[in-house]
Amino acid sequence: MAEKPTTMESMRKWIVEHKLRAVGCLWLTGIGSSIAYNWSQPNMKPSVKIIHARLHAQALTLAALAGAALVEYYDNSTGSGTKVNQYAKQFLTMDTHPQKD
């Protein structure tokens, strides 16, 4: 019988298959929570609150992209690869024939 994958393994698999969706969700969560936090600060102008929220979300997005790159690197180094890599290997190994004029 096959073992049921752990929660971490299933999360990792989902993130590998949906990298951009994961980064987008993380960005939305980050900017939403940053706006909520900044709005609780009474001595700031609304424009400064929005700028701070955007900067926090940018930093979080860069961290998420770096994390996605690390996951991709780990998958490539262990040989599991992703659908995109498997397609690229298949495409690159196809015989190409030059067109005749």
C-alpha atoms as a PDB file:
ATOM      1  CA  MET A   1       0.000   0.000   0.000  1.00  0.00           C
ATOM      2  CA  ALA A   2       1.157   3.501  -0.756  1.00  0.00           C
ATOM      3  CA  GLU A   3       1.679   5.800   2.175  1.00  0.00           C
ATOM      4  CA  LYS A   4      -0.503   8.866   2.490  1.00  0.00           C
ATOM      5  CA  PRO A   5       1.606  11.998   1.895  1.00  0.00           C
ATOM      6  CA  THR A   6       2.224  14.196   4.898  1.00  0.00           C
ATOM      7  CA  THR A   7       0.732  17.655   5.171  1.00  0.00           C
ATOM      8  CA  MET A   8       4.093  19.308   4.478  1.00  0.00           C
ATOM      9  CA  GLU A   9       4.669  17.130   1.432  1.00  0.00           C
ATOM     10  CA  SER A  10       1.242  17.908  -0.003  1.00  0.00           C
ATOM     11  CA  MET A  11       1.738  21.640   0.672  1.00  0.00           C
ATOM     12  CA  ARG A  12       5.148  21.550  -1.019  1.00  0.00           C
ATOM     13  CA  LYS A  13       3.671  19.760  -4.029  1.00  0.00           C
ATOM     14  CA  TRP A  14       0.869  22.338  -4.328  1.00  0.00           C
ATOM     15  CA  ILE A  15       3.340  25.233  -4.082  1.00  0.00           C
ATOM     16  CA  VAL A  16       5.569  23.668  -6.742  1.00  0.00           C
ATOM     17  CA  GLU A  17       2.617  23.276  -9.103  1.00  0.00           C
ATOM     18  CA  HIS A  18       1.104  26.720  -8.363  1.00  0.00           C
ATOM     19  CA  LYS A  19       4.077  29.031  -7.714  1.00  0.00           C
ATOM     20  CA  LEU A  20       2.546  32.245  -9.025  1.00  0.00           C
ATOM     21  CA  ARG A  21      -0.778  31.622  -7.304  1.00  0.00           C
ATOM     22  CA  ALA A  22       1.063  31.005  -4.010  1.00  0.00           C
ATOM     23  CA  VAL A  23       3.092  34.209  -4.381  1.00  0.00           C
ATOM     24  CA  GLY A  24      -0.054  36.181  -5.272  1.00  0.00           C
ATOM     25  CA  CYS A  25      -1.955  34.842  -2.264  1.00  0.00           C
ATOM     26  CA  LEU A  26       0.987  35.636  -0.020  1.00  0.00           C
ATOM     27  CA  TRP A  27       1.131  39.169  -1.450  1.00  0.00           C
ATOM     28  CA  LEU A  28      -2.600  39.751  -0.900  1.00  0.00           C
ATOM     29  CA  THR A  29      -2.378  38.438   2.647  1.00  0.00           C
ATOM     30  CA  GLY A  30       0.691  40.560   3.326  1.00  0.00           C
ATOM     31  CA  ILE A  31      -0.744  43.810   2.021  1.00  0.00           C
ATOM     32  CA  GLY A  32      -4.078  43.183   3.761  1.00  0.00           C
ATOM     33  CA  SER A  33      -2.481  42.522   7.128  1.00  0.00           C
ATOM     34  CA  SER A  34      -0.068  45.432   6.693  1.00  0.00           C
ATOM     35  CA  ILE A  35      -2.917  47.827   5.884  1.00  0.00           C
ATOM     36  CA  ALA A  36      -4.822  46.533   8.911  1.00  0.00           C
ATOM     37  CA  TYR A  37      -1.793  47.060  11.146  1.00  0.00           C
ATOM     38  CA  ASN A  38      -0.946  50.498   9.742  1.00  0.00           C
ATOM     39  CA  TRP A  39      -4.550  51.686  10.043  1.00  0.00           C
ATOM     40  CA  SER A  40      -4.384  50.982  13.774  1.00  0.00           C
ATOM     41  CA  GLN A  41      -1.536  53.512  14.100  1.00  0.00           C
ATOM     42  CA  PRO A  42      -3.222  56.821  14.976  1.00  0.00           C
ATOM     43  CA  ASN A  43      -0.413  59.307  14.255  1.00  0.00           C
ATOM     44  CA  MET A  44       0.166  58.573  10.561  1.00  0.00           C
ATOM     45  CA  LYS A  45      -1.275  60.133   7.431  1.00  0.00           C
ATOM     46  CA  PRO A  46      -3.311  57.753   5.233  1.00  0.00           C
ATOM     47  CA  SER A  47      -0.812  58.150   2.373  1.00  0.00           C
ATOM     48  CA  VAL A  48       2.053  57.072   4.644  1.00  0.00           C
ATOM     49  CA  LYS A  49       0.009  54.077   5.809  1.00  0.00           C
ATOM     50  CA  ILE A  50      -0.541  52.967   2.213  1.00  0.00           C
ATOM     51  CA  ILE A  51       3.135  53.436   1.347  1.00  0.00           C
ATOM     52  CA  HIS A  52       4.193  51.361   4.356  1.00  0.00           C
ATOM     53  CA  ALA A  53       1.727  48.625   3.435  1.00  0.00           C
ATOM     54  CA  ARG A  54       3.059  48.536  -0.122  1.00  0.00           C
ATOM     55  CA  LEU A  55       6.665  48.331   1.078  1.00  0.00           C
ATOM     56  CA  HIS A  56       5.823  45.496   3.465  1.00  0.00           C
ATOM     57  CA  ALA A  57       4.027  43.633   0.681  1.00  0.00           C
ATOM     58  CA  GLN A  58       6.987  44.127  -1.677  1.00  0.00           C
ATOM     59  CA  ALA A  59       9.405  42.695   0.870  1.00  0.00           C
ATOM     60  CA  LEU A  60       7.089  39.750   1.468  1.00  0.00           C
ATOM     61  CA  THR A  61       6.778  39.147  -2.278  1.00  0.00           C
ATOM     62  CA  LEU A  62      10.551  39.140  -2.727  1.00  0.00           C
ATOM     63  CA  ALA A  63      10.835  36.636   0.114  1.00  0.00           C
ATOM     64  CA  ALA A  64       8.136  34.456  -1.480  1.00  0.00           C
ATOM     65  CA  LEU A  65       9.864  34.556  -4.868  1.00  0.00           C
ATOM     66  CA  ALA A  66      13.167  33.610  -3.239  1.00  0.00           C
ATOM     67  CA  GLY A  67      11.398  30.743  -1.470  1.00  0.00           C
ATOM     68  CA  ALA A  68       9.849  29.566  -4.749  1.00  0.00           C
ATOM     69  CA  ALA A  69      13.287  29.690  -6.363  1.00  0.00           C
ATOM     70  CA  LEU A  70      14.706  27.580  -3.527  1.00  0.00           C
ATOM     71  CA  VAL A  71      11.905  25.030  -3.912  1.00  0.00           C
ATOM     72  CA  GLU A  72      12.554  24.891  -7.662  1.00  0.00           C
ATOM     73  CA  TYR A  73      16.293  24.466  -7.086  1.00  0.00           C
ATOM     74  CA  TYR A  74      15.654  21.701  -4.537  1.00  0.00           C
ATOM     75  CA  ASP A  75      13.320  19.882  -6.934  1.00  0.00           C
ATOM     76  CA  ASN A  76      15.828  20.127  -9.771  1.00  0.00           C
ATOM     77  CA  SER A  77      18.726  18.953  -7.608  1.00  0.00           C
ATOM     78  CA  THR A  78      16.779  15.944  -6.304  1.00  0.00           C
ATOM     79  CA  GLY A  79      15.620  15.037  -9.799  1.00  0.00           C
ATOM     80  CA  SER A  80      11.890  15.230  -9.172  1.00  0.00           C
ATOM     81  CA  GLY A  81      11.474  18.234 -11.486  1.00  0.00           C
ATOM     82  CA  THR A  82       8.245  19.972 -12.392  1.00  0.00           C
ATOM     83  CA  LYS A  83       5.833  19.749 -15.295  1.00  0.00           C
ATOM     84  CA  VAL A  84       7.539  22.701 -16.950  1.00  0.00           C
ATOM     85  CA  ASN A  85      10.973  21.086 -16.718  1.00  0.00           C
ATOM     86  CA  GLN A  86       9.642  17.780 -18.017  1.00  0.00           C
ATOM     87  CA  TYR A  87       8.029  19.579 -20.965  1.00  0.00           C
ATOM     88  CA  ALA A  88      11.223  21.519 -21.662  1.00  0.00           C
ATOM     89  CA  LYS A  89      13.274  18.312 -21.663  1.00  0.00           C
ATOM     90  CA  GLN A  90      10.779  16.675 -24.001  1.00  0.00           C
ATOM     91  CA  PHE A  91      10.786  19.690 -26.319  1.00  0.00           C
ATOM     92  CA  LEU A  92      14.570  19.984 -26.368  1.00  0.00           C
ATOM     93  CA  THR A  93      15.084  16.303 -27.165  1.00  0.00           C
ATOM     94  CA  MET A  94      12.701  16.284 -30.144  1.00  0.00           C
ATOM     95  CA  ASP A  95      14.316  15.975 -33.544  1.00  0.00           C
ATOM     96  CA  THR A  96      14.121  19.244 -35.408  1.00  0.00           C
ATOM     97  CA  HIS A  97      14.041  19.312 -39.168  1.00  0.00           C
ATOM     98  CA  PRO A  98      14.919  22.487 -41.023  1.00  0.00           C
ATOM     99  CA  GLN A  99      12.287  23.679 -43.414  1.00  0.00           C
ATOM    100  CA  LYS A 100      12.974  23.226 -47.095  1.00  0.00           C
ATOM    101  CA  ASP A 101      12.742  26.262 -49.350  1.00  0.00           C
END
